């Protein structure tokens, strides 16, 4: 039984890297011949940033795990 892959892209409003990140995720999925549920979520303020454990824009998570290993242990979250 295969597990559904869920990819979440978190961005701050007006993130200049949003489109590039969405395209990169799509390109990687295509190159691996994979499908996934991809969702982009805009983090609007510091409260949402803390609740989402948002280390900065853009953030990409696969099945809830940040793709950047260093970000996984961060304790500071915000709109940066």
N, C-alpha and C. Protein backbone atom coordinates (compact mmCIF):
# COMPACT_ATOMS: atom_id res chain seq x y z
N UNK A 1 0.85 -1.19 0.00
CA UNK A 1 0.00 0.00 0.00
C UNK A 1 0.89 1.24 0.00
N UNK A 2 0.71 2.11 -0.97
CA UNK A 2 1.56 3.29 -1.05
C UNK A 2 0.94 4.43 -0.25
N UNK A 3 1.80 5.21 0.34
CA UNK A 3 1.39 6.34 1.16
C UNK A 3 1.28 7.58 0.27
N UNK A 4 0.25 8.37 0.50
CA UNK A 4 0.10 9.62 -0.23
C UNK A 4 1.16 10.61 0.23
N UNK A 5 1.85 11.22 -0.72
CA UNK A 5 2.84 12.23 -0.40
C UNK A 5 2.13 13.58 -0.36
N UNK A 6 2.33 14.29 0.76
CA UNK A 6 1.75 15.62 0.91
C UNK A 6 2.88 16.63 1.01
N UNK A 7 2.84 17.61 0.13
CA UNK A 7 3.85 18.66 0.11
C UNK A 7 3.15 19.98 0.42
N UNK A 8 3.71 20.68 1.39
CA UNK A 8 3.16 21.97 1.77
C UNK A 8 4.24 23.03 1.55
N UNK A 9 3.88 24.07 0.84
CA UNK A 9 4.76 25.20 0.61
C UNK A 9 4.19 26.36 1.42
N UNK A 10 4.96 26.82 2.39
CA UNK A 10 4.53 27.94 3.22
C UNK A 10 5.27 29.18 2.78
N UNK A 11 4.54 30.27 2.61
CA UNK A 11 5.13 31.52 2.14
C UNK A 11 4.56 32.71 2.89
N UNK A 12 5.35 33.76 2.99
CA UNK A 12 4.88 35.04 3.51
C UNK A 12 4.18 35.77 2.37
N UNK A 13 3.29 36.70 2.68
CA UNK A 13 2.64 37.49 1.63
C UNK A 13 3.68 38.18 0.75
N UNK A 14 3.50 38.09 -0.55
CA UNK A 14 4.42 38.74 -1.47
C UNK A 14 5.78 38.09 -1.62
N UNK A 15 5.93 36.86 -1.16
CA UNK A 15 7.21 36.16 -1.25
C UNK A 15 7.67 36.11 -2.71
N UNK A 16 8.84 36.68 -2.97
CA UNK A 16 9.37 36.72 -4.32
C UNK A 16 9.79 35.37 -4.86
N UNK A 17 9.96 34.39 -3.99
CA UNK A 17 10.39 33.05 -4.41
C UNK A 17 9.22 32.06 -4.51
N UNK A 18 8.00 32.53 -4.30
CA UNK A 18 6.85 31.61 -4.30
C UNK A 18 6.71 30.85 -5.61
N UNK A 19 6.63 31.58 -6.74
CA UNK A 19 6.41 30.92 -8.02
C UNK A 19 7.57 30.00 -8.38
N UNK A 20 8.79 30.44 -8.11
CA UNK A 20 9.97 29.61 -8.39
C UNK A 20 9.93 28.33 -7.55
N UNK A 21 9.54 28.43 -6.30
CA UNK A 21 9.48 27.26 -5.43
C UNK A 21 8.39 26.30 -5.88
N UNK A 22 7.22 26.83 -6.22
CA UNK A 22 6.13 25.99 -6.72
C UNK A 22 6.56 25.26 -8.01
N UNK A 23 7.25 25.97 -8.89
CA UNK A 23 7.72 25.36 -10.14
C UNK A 23 8.77 24.30 -9.87
N UNK A 24 9.67 24.56 -8.94
CA UNK A 24 10.71 23.59 -8.59
C UNK A 24 10.10 22.30 -8.04
N UNK A 25 9.12 22.45 -7.16
CA UNK A 25 8.44 21.27 -6.61
C UNK A 25 7.76 20.48 -7.74
N UNK A 26 7.08 21.18 -8.63
CA UNK A 26 6.42 20.51 -9.76
C UNK A 26 7.44 19.81 -10.65
N UNK A 27 8.57 20.46 -10.92
CA UNK A 27 9.62 19.86 -11.75
C UNK A 27 10.21 18.61 -11.10
N UNK A 28 10.44 18.66 -9.80
CA UNK A 28 10.99 17.50 -9.10
C UNK A 28 10.01 16.35 -9.15
N UNK A 29 8.74 16.62 -8.90
CA UNK A 29 7.74 15.56 -8.97
C UNK A 29 7.68 14.95 -10.36
N UNK A 30 7.72 15.78 -11.39
CA UNK A 30 7.67 15.28 -12.77
C UNK A 30 8.90 14.44 -13.09
N UNK A 31 10.08 14.89 -12.64
CA UNK A 31 11.31 14.14 -12.93
C UNK A 31 11.33 12.79 -12.23
N UNK A 32 10.64 12.69 -11.11
CA UNK A 32 10.55 11.43 -10.37
C UNK A 32 9.33 10.61 -10.78
N UNK A 33 8.54 11.16 -11.71
CA UNK A 33 7.30 10.52 -12.15
C UNK A 33 6.40 10.21 -10.95
N UNK A 34 6.27 11.22 -10.08
CA UNK A 34 5.48 11.08 -8.86
C UNK A 34 4.30 12.05 -8.88
N UNK A 35 3.28 11.67 -8.15
CA UNK A 35 2.18 12.60 -7.88
C UNK A 35 2.16 12.86 -6.38
N UNK A 36 1.67 14.01 -6.03
CA UNK A 36 1.58 14.38 -4.62
C UNK A 36 0.48 15.41 -4.47
N UNK A 37 -0.01 15.51 -3.27
CA UNK A 37 -0.94 16.60 -2.94
C UNK A 37 -0.07 17.79 -2.56
N UNK A 38 -0.08 18.82 -3.39
CA UNK A 38 0.73 20.02 -3.15
C UNK A 38 -0.19 21.16 -2.78
N UNK A 39 0.14 21.82 -1.68
CA UNK A 39 -0.68 22.93 -1.21
C UNK A 39 0.24 24.08 -0.83
N UNK A 40 -0.11 25.27 -1.25
CA UNK A 40 0.62 26.47 -0.84
C UNK A 40 -0.23 27.20 0.20
N UNK A 41 0.41 27.56 1.30
CA UNK A 41 -0.30 28.27 2.37
C UNK A 41 0.43 29.57 2.66
N UNK A 42 -0.32 30.67 2.63
CA UNK A 42 0.24 31.99 2.94
C UNK A 42 0.14 32.21 4.44
N UNK A 43 1.28 32.49 5.05
CA UNK A 43 1.33 32.79 6.49
C UNK A 43 1.24 34.31 6.62
N UNK A 44 0.15 34.77 7.19
CA UNK A 44 -0.18 36.21 7.17
C UNK A 44 0.46 37.04 8.27
N UNK A 45 0.75 36.44 9.45
CA UNK A 45 1.23 37.25 10.55
C UNK A 45 2.06 36.39 11.52
N UNK A 46 2.61 37.05 12.54
CA UNK A 46 3.49 36.37 13.50
C UNK A 46 2.75 35.27 14.27
N UNK A 47 1.49 35.47 14.54
CA UNK A 47 0.71 34.44 15.25
C UNK A 47 0.62 33.18 14.41
N UNK A 48 0.29 33.34 13.14
CA UNK A 48 0.23 32.18 12.25
C UNK A 48 1.60 31.55 12.07
N UNK A 49 2.65 32.38 12.03
CA UNK A 49 4.01 31.87 11.88
C UNK A 49 4.38 30.97 13.05
N UNK A 50 4.06 31.40 14.26
CA UNK A 50 4.37 30.59 15.44
C UNK A 50 3.56 29.30 15.43
N UNK A 51 2.28 29.39 15.11
CA UNK A 51 1.42 28.20 15.10
C UNK A 51 1.87 27.18 14.06
N UNK A 52 2.38 27.66 12.92
CA UNK A 52 2.81 26.78 11.83
C UNK A 52 4.29 26.39 11.95
N UNK A 53 4.97 26.91 12.99
CA UNK A 53 6.41 26.67 13.13
C UNK A 53 7.13 27.09 11.84
N UNK A 54 6.84 28.30 11.41
CA UNK A 54 7.29 28.85 10.14
C UNK A 54 8.63 29.56 10.31
N UNK A 55 9.72 28.95 9.80
CA UNK A 55 11.04 29.56 9.99
C UNK A 55 11.37 30.65 9.00
N UNK A 56 10.60 30.78 7.93
CA UNK A 56 10.85 31.81 6.93
C UNK A 56 10.31 31.39 5.58
N UNK A 57 10.31 32.34 4.68
CA UNK A 57 9.66 32.15 3.39
C UNK A 57 10.69 32.01 2.28
N UNK A 58 10.56 31.00 1.46
CA UNK A 58 9.55 29.93 1.50
C UNK A 58 10.03 28.76 2.36
N UNK A 59 9.10 27.98 2.83
CA UNK A 59 9.37 26.75 3.55
C UNK A 59 8.66 25.62 2.82
N UNK A 60 9.35 24.51 2.61
CA UNK A 60 8.75 23.36 1.94
C UNK A 60 8.79 22.18 2.92
N UNK A 61 7.65 21.55 3.08
CA UNK A 61 7.56 20.36 3.95
C UNK A 61 6.97 19.20 3.17
N UNK A 62 7.56 18.04 3.36
CA UNK A 62 7.06 16.80 2.75
C UNK A 62 6.57 15.93 3.89
N UNK A 63 5.29 15.61 3.84
CA UNK A 63 4.65 14.83 4.91
C UNK A 63 4.97 15.42 6.29
N UNK A 64 4.93 16.75 6.36
CA UNK A 64 5.11 17.46 7.62
C UNK A 64 6.54 17.71 8.02
N UNK A 65 7.51 17.19 7.27
CA UNK A 65 8.93 17.34 7.61
C UNK A 65 9.56 18.39 6.71
N UNK A 66 10.24 19.37 7.32
CA UNK A 66 10.91 20.40 6.54
C UNK A 66 11.99 19.76 5.67
N UNK A 67 12.10 20.19 4.41
CA UNK A 67 13.10 19.61 3.52
C UNK A 67 14.51 20.09 3.86
N UNK A 68 14.62 21.16 4.61
CA UNK A 68 15.93 21.66 5.02
C UNK A 68 16.25 21.13 6.42
N UNK A 69 17.24 20.25 6.53
CA UNK A 69 17.53 19.63 7.83
C UNK A 69 17.78 20.63 8.95
N UNK A 70 18.48 21.72 8.68
CA UNK A 70 18.77 22.70 9.73
C UNK A 70 17.51 23.36 10.28
N UNK A 71 16.48 23.45 9.48
CA UNK A 71 15.24 24.10 9.92
C UNK A 71 14.44 23.21 10.88
N UNK A 72 14.70 21.93 10.86
CA UNK A 72 13.92 21.00 11.69
C UNK A 72 14.12 21.21 13.19
N UNK A 73 15.27 21.73 13.59
CA UNK A 73 15.54 21.91 15.01
C UNK A 73 15.39 23.35 15.47
N UNK A 74 14.99 24.24 14.57
CA UNK A 74 14.82 25.65 14.94
C UNK A 74 13.71 25.83 15.95
N UNK A 75 13.89 26.81 16.80
CA UNK A 75 12.88 27.15 17.80
C UNK A 75 12.34 28.56 17.62
N UNK A 76 12.94 29.32 16.68
CA UNK A 76 12.48 30.68 16.41
C UNK A 76 11.68 30.66 15.12
N UNK A 77 10.51 31.28 15.18
CA UNK A 77 9.64 31.31 14.00
C UNK A 77 9.21 32.75 13.76
N UNK A 78 8.97 33.08 12.49
CA UNK A 78 8.55 34.43 12.19
C UNK A 78 8.36 34.64 10.72
N UNK A 79 8.23 35.88 10.33
CA UNK A 79 7.87 36.24 8.97
C UNK A 79 9.08 36.47 8.07
N UNK A 80 10.28 36.14 8.51
CA UNK A 80 11.49 36.40 7.73
C UNK A 80 11.61 35.58 6.48
